[in-house]
Every structure is written in structure tokens, then in C-alpha cells.
């Protein structure tokens, strides 16, 4: 029940808010010592970043606005940080995918 409520709340977030939420997930992942929980945080972060991407399609036009540039840079940074975390957990394929997506945003 909580999950569906939280999910519907996230559907109304702006791309910037969704990115901020993903960064909070990453912060929690970095603070957690249990590798299984870190992997779960990585998974939730990745899902939120995909949601941010979907929500940002309209926000990224025209591409040179300052808000759009900040969103693109934020996405690139978050994806790169996610990749580093995945790499540290031995998830090299996922890490490489995150790094590639970071390059696309950056």
C-alpha cells in the first residue's frame, strides 16, 4: 500500500525533483555497509533515474537553457556516481551501462 502511494507521488515530480530523489538514494547507498542493501539502493536509484529521463523529455527542449543544462549535468553526475558504486560491488556490466548513459547526458 505504501509503495503504490509513493509511486503515484513520484509520478508528479518534476525532472529536477526526481533527480534530487535519485541523489538521496545514492547518498543512502554510500552510507550503507550491507552490500545487499547497497545493491537495492542502486536498483531504486537506477529506476528513479529512468523516471527522471522520461519526465525530462519535454524539459530538455530547447537544450541550451540553463535549467536544462543543470539537469543534464546532474543526470550525468548521478549516473557516473551510480556506476562507481556498482563497480565497487562487482557489478561491472551494470556499471558500464551507467557510465555509457552518463556520457550520453554529459
Protein backbone atom coordinates (compact mmCIF):
# COMPACT_ATOMS: atom_id res chain seq x y z
CA UNK A 1 0.00 0.00 0.00
CA UNK A 2 2.75 2.46 0.89
CA UNK A 3 4.61 1.61 -2.28
CA UNK A 4 1.69 2.46 -4.56
CA UNK A 5 1.18 5.77 -2.76
CA UNK A 6 4.86 6.61 -3.03
CA UNK A 7 4.87 5.57 -6.66
CA UNK A 8 1.95 7.85 -7.53
CA UNK A 9 3.65 10.70 -5.69
CA UNK A 10 6.80 10.24 -7.78
CA UNK A 11 4.76 10.44 -10.97
CA UNK A 12 4.07 14.10 -10.16
CA UNK A 13 7.65 15.13 -9.50
CA UNK A 14 9.47 17.46 -11.87
CA UNK A 15 12.62 16.10 -13.51
CA UNK A 16 14.72 18.17 -11.09
CA UNK A 17 12.84 16.78 -8.08
CA UNK A 18 13.17 13.25 -9.39
CA UNK A 19 16.92 13.77 -9.86
CA UNK A 20 17.18 15.09 -6.30
CA UNK A 21 15.38 11.98 -5.06
CA UNK A 22 17.79 9.75 -7.01
CA UNK A 23 20.72 11.58 -5.43
CA UNK A 24 19.25 10.99 -1.97
CA UNK A 25 19.02 7.29 -2.79
CA UNK A 26 22.68 7.35 -3.83
CA UNK A 27 23.65 9.05 -0.56
CA UNK A 28 21.89 6.31 1.38
CA UNK A 29 23.65 3.66 -0.70
CA UNK A 30 27.02 5.19 0.16
CA UNK A 31 26.20 5.21 3.88
CA UNK A 32 25.02 1.62 4.00
CA UNK A 33 27.51 -1.10 4.93
CA UNK A 34 25.50 -4.17 3.89
CA UNK A 35 26.28 -4.93 0.21
CA UNK A 36 22.84 -6.44 -0.42
CA UNK A 37 21.15 -3.28 0.79
CA UNK A 38 23.55 -1.18 -1.27
CA UNK A 39 22.53 -3.18 -4.35
CA UNK A 40 18.88 -2.50 -3.53
CA UNK A 41 19.60 1.23 -3.19
CA UNK A 42 21.38 1.08 -6.56
CA UNK A 43 18.35 -0.55 -8.12
CA UNK A 44 15.99 2.08 -6.70
CA UNK A 45 18.36 4.85 -7.83
CA UNK A 46 18.50 3.42 -11.34
CA UNK A 47 14.70 3.24 -11.52
CA UNK A 48 14.40 6.85 -10.37
CA UNK A 49 16.95 7.99 -12.96
CA UNK A 50 14.96 6.25 -15.69
CA UNK A 51 11.87 8.03 -14.41
CA UNK A 52 13.79 11.32 -14.50
CA UNK A 53 14.77 10.64 -18.09
CA UNK A 54 11.15 10.04 -19.06
CA UNK A 55 9.95 13.14 -17.23
CA UNK A 56 12.67 15.27 -18.78
CA UNK A 57 11.84 14.72 -22.45
CA UNK A 58 9.78 17.89 -22.60
CA UNK A 59 12.05 19.73 -20.18
CA UNK A 60 15.10 19.31 -22.40
CA UNK A 61 13.73 21.38 -25.27
CA UNK A 62 15.39 23.72 -26.17
CA UNK A 63 18.60 22.03 -24.98
CA UNK A 64 20.65 25.12 -24.16
CA UNK A 65 18.53 26.62 -21.39
CA UNK A 66 20.36 26.87 -18.06
CA UNK A 67 17.80 24.66 -16.26
CA UNK A 68 18.20 22.01 -18.94
CA UNK A 69 21.98 22.21 -18.76
CA UNK A 70 21.84 21.76 -14.98
CA UNK A 71 19.52 18.77 -15.37
CA UNK A 72 21.79 17.18 -17.98
CA UNK A 73 24.88 17.72 -15.83
CA UNK A 74 23.06 16.39 -12.77
CA UNK A 75 21.96 13.27 -14.63
CA UNK A 76 25.48 12.68 -15.93
CA UNK A 77 26.93 13.05 -12.45
CA UNK A 78 24.32 10.82 -10.81
CA UNK A 79 24.78 8.10 -13.43
CA UNK A 80 28.56 8.27 -13.07
CA UNK A 81 28.28 8.01 -9.28
CA UNK A 82 25.90 5.09 -9.65
CA UNK A 83 28.41 3.41 -11.98
CA UNK A 84 31.21 3.83 -9.45
CA UNK A 85 29.08 2.30 -6.74
CA UNK A 86 28.05 -0.60 -8.98
CA UNK A 87 31.69 -1.13 -9.94
CA UNK A 88 32.73 -1.27 -6.29
CA UNK A 89 30.16 -4.04 -5.77
CA UNK A 90 31.45 -6.14 -8.65
CA UNK A 91 28.54 -5.22 -10.91
CA UNK A 92 30.79 -4.29 -13.84
CA UNK A 93 28.19 -4.76 -16.59
CA UNK A 94 25.70 -2.51 -14.82
CA UNK A 95 28.48 -0.04 -14.06
CA UNK A 96 29.50 0.13 -17.73
CA UNK A 97 25.88 0.73 -18.73
CA UNK A 98 25.65 3.56 -16.19
CA UNK A 99 28.90 5.09 -17.46
CA UNK A 100 27.61 4.96 -21.06
CA UNK A 101 24.36 6.65 -20.05
CA UNK A 102 26.36 9.28 -18.14
CA UNK A 103 28.31 10.06 -21.30
CA UNK A 104 25.07 10.47 -23.25
CA UNK A 105 23.83 13.02 -20.73
CA UNK A 106 27.14 14.83 -20.32
